[in-house]
C-alpha atoms as a PDB file:
ATOM      1  CA  UNK A   1      -0.076  -0.079   0.065  1.00  0.00           C
ATOM      2  CA  UNK A   2       1.090   3.483  -0.702  1.00  0.00           C
ATOM      3  CA  UNK A   3       0.978   6.725   1.161  1.00  0.00           C
ATOM      4  CA  UNK A   4      -0.002  10.050  -0.667  1.00  0.00           C
ATOM      5  CA  UNK A   5       1.986  12.901   0.429  1.00  0.00           C
ATOM      6  CA  UNK A   6       0.751  16.427   0.656  1.00  0.00           C
ATOM      7  CA  UNK A   7       2.519  17.149  -2.749  1.00  0.00           C
ATOM      8  CA  UNK A   8       0.431  14.352  -4.405  1.00  0.00           C
ATOM      9  CA  UNK A   9       3.519  11.917  -4.502  1.00  0.00           C
ATOM     10  CA  UNK A  10       2.722   8.260  -3.911  1.00  0.00           C
ATOM     11  CA  UNK A  11       5.419   6.497  -1.448  1.00  0.00           C
ATOM     12  CA  UNK A  12       5.555   3.102  -0.325  1.00  0.00           C
ATOM     13  CA  UNK A  13       4.896   2.870   3.151  1.00  0.00           C
ATOM     14  CA  UNK A  14       8.064   0.925   4.055  1.00  0.00           C
ATOM     15  CA  UNK A  15      10.112   3.565   2.234  1.00  0.00           C
ATOM     16  CA  UNK A  16       8.820   6.434   4.374  1.00  0.00           C
ATOM     17  CA  UNK A  17      11.068   8.075   7.073  1.00  0.00           C
ATOM     18  CA  UNK A  18      10.294   7.265  10.852  1.00  0.00           C
ATOM     19  CA  UNK A  19       9.305  10.853  11.460  1.00  0.00           C
ATOM     20  CA  UNK A  20       6.927  10.895   8.273  1.00  0.00           C
ATOM     21  CA  UNK A  21       5.396   7.711   9.279  1.00  0.00           C
ATOM     22  CA  UNK A  22       4.562   9.400  12.827  1.00  0.00           C
ATOM     23  CA  UNK A  23       3.476  12.414  11.233  1.00  0.00           C
ATOM     24  CA  UNK A  24       1.017  10.643   8.926  1.00  0.00           C
ATOM     25  CA  UNK A  25      -0.436   8.485  11.770  1.00  0.00           C
ATOM     26  CA  UNK A  26      -1.053  11.594  13.932  1.00  0.00           C
ATOM     27  CA  UNK A  27      -2.681  13.227  10.801  1.00  0.00           C
ATOM     28  CA  UNK A  28      -5.094  10.234  10.405  1.00  0.00           C
ATOM     29  CA  UNK A  29      -5.769  10.159  14.100  1.00  0.00           C
ATOM     30  CA  UNK A  30      -6.547  14.051  14.267  1.00  0.00           C
ATOM     31  CA  UNK A  31      -8.779  13.709  11.077  1.00  0.00           C
ATOM     32  CA  UNK A  32     -10.612  10.906  12.787  1.00  0.00           C
ATOM     33  CA  UNK A  33     -11.430  12.550  16.010  1.00  0.00           C
ATOM     34  CA  UNK A  34     -12.395  15.611  14.172  1.00  0.00           C
ATOM     35  CA  UNK A  35     -14.697  13.751  11.948  1.00  0.00           C
ATOM     36  CA  UNK A  36     -16.019  11.758  15.119  1.00  0.00           C
ATOM     37  CA  UNK A  37     -16.850  15.137  16.868  1.00  0.00           C
ATOM     38  CA  UNK A  38     -18.553  16.610  13.735  1.00  0.00           C
ATOM     39  CA  UNK A  39     -20.751  13.474  13.407  1.00  0.00           C
ATOM     40  CA  UNK A  40     -21.779  13.794  17.096  1.00  0.00           C
ATOM     41  CA  UNK A  41     -22.734  17.324  16.609  1.00  0.00           C
ATOM     42  CA  UNK A  42     -25.397  16.899  13.685  1.00  0.00           C
ATOM     43  CA  UNK A  43     -28.823  17.470  14.698  1.00  0.00           C
ATOM     44  CA  UNK A  44     -31.386  14.631  14.805  1.00  0.00           C
ATOM     45  CA  UNK A  45     -33.338  14.157  11.581  1.00  0.00           C
ATOM     46  CA  UNK A  46     -36.959  14.724  11.113  1.00  0.00           C
ATOM     47  CA  UNK A  47     -38.935  11.712  10.049  1.00  0.00           C
ATOM     48  CA  UNK A  48     -39.168   8.239  11.833  1.00  0.00           C
ATOM     49  CA  UNK A  49     -37.131   6.095   9.345  1.00  0.00           C
ATOM     50  CA  UNK A  50     -34.449   9.035   9.401  1.00  0.00           C
ATOM     51  CA  UNK A  51     -34.469   9.145  13.187  1.00  0.00           C
ATOM     52  CA  UNK A  52     -34.087   5.282  13.454  1.00  0.00           C
ATOM     53  CA  UNK A  53     -31.103   5.345  10.873  1.00  0.00           C
ATOM     54  CA  UNK A  54     -29.542   8.209  12.737  1.00  0.00           C
ATOM     55  CA  UNK A  55     -29.714   6.656  16.110  1.00  0.00           C
ATOM     56  CA  UNK A  56     -28.447   3.396  14.735  1.00  0.00           C
ATOM     57  CA  UNK A  57     -25.412   5.234  13.095  1.00  0.00           C
ATOM     58  CA  UNK A  58     -24.939   7.260  16.280  1.00  0.00           C
ATOM     59  CA  UNK A  59     -25.075   4.292  18.410  1.00  0.00           C
ATOM     60  CA  UNK A  60     -22.371   2.386  16.380  1.00  0.00           C
ATOM     61  CA  UNK A  61     -20.062   5.693  16.445  1.00  0.00           C
ATOM     62  CA  UNK A  62     -20.280   5.800  20.068  1.00  0.00           C
ATOM     63  CA  UNK A  63     -19.647   2.137  20.426  1.00  0.00           C
ATOM     64  CA  UNK A  64     -16.452   2.323  17.883  1.00  0.00           C
ATOM     65  CA  UNK A  65     -15.354   5.785  19.063  1.00  0.00           C
ATOM     66  CA  UNK A  66     -13.104   7.802  16.827  1.00  0.00           C
ATOM     67  CA  UNK A  67     -11.215   4.636  16.215  1.00  0.00           C
ATOM     68  CA  UNK A  68     -13.982   3.347  14.166  1.00  0.00           C
ATOM     69  CA  UNK A  69     -13.331   6.114  11.666  1.00  0.00           C
ATOM     70  CA  UNK A  70      -9.732   5.462  10.900  1.00  0.00           C
ATOM     71  CA  UNK A  71      -8.982   4.311   7.176  1.00  0.00           C
ATOM     72  CA  UNK A  72      -7.369   1.109   6.226  1.00  0.00           C
ATOM     73  CA  UNK A  73      -4.114   2.777   5.677  1.00  0.00           C
ATOM     74  CA  UNK A  74      -3.683   3.721   9.237  1.00  0.00           C
ATOM     75  CA  UNK A  75      -3.311   0.062  10.328  1.00  0.00           C
ATOM     76  CA  UNK A  76      -0.596  -0.337   7.630  1.00  0.00           C
ATOM     77  CA  UNK A  77       1.180   2.591   8.581  1.00  0.00           C
ATOM     78  CA  UNK A  78       0.908   1.474  12.538  1.00  0.00           C
ATOM     79  CA  UNK A  79       2.116  -1.989  11.493  1.00  0.00           C
ATOM     80  CA  UNK A  80       5.058  -0.664   9.908  1.00  0.00           C
ATOM     81  CA  UNK A  81       5.808   1.439  13.072  1.00  0.00           C
ATOM     82  CA  UNK A  82       5.697  -1.568  14.997  1.00  0.00           C
ATOM     83  CA  UNK A  83       8.129  -3.413  12.931  1.00  0.00           C
ATOM     84  CA  UNK A  84      10.436  -0.819  13.325  1.00  0.00           C
ATOM     85  CA  UNK A  85      10.462  -0.832  16.911  1.00  0.00           C
ATOM     86  CA  UNK A  86      11.679  -4.435  16.993  1.00  0.00           C
END
């Protein structure tokens, strides 16, 4: 899997510097936390079916926390970081 840099370059995760890897992980964690807080601030919709769907989505979000919003690449990045700490 590859990480897309701010400049648009794609780089293999294993080729990322240690600091770049840490910064990418921190970025994804901040984004997930921001998205989590934003989702919790949405007003409840009108209509019975919409309220049911909204409540179900919020319950799932609360159960998983911000971690449930982390993209797949986050786990690739953290696995690479774990490999390097050996």
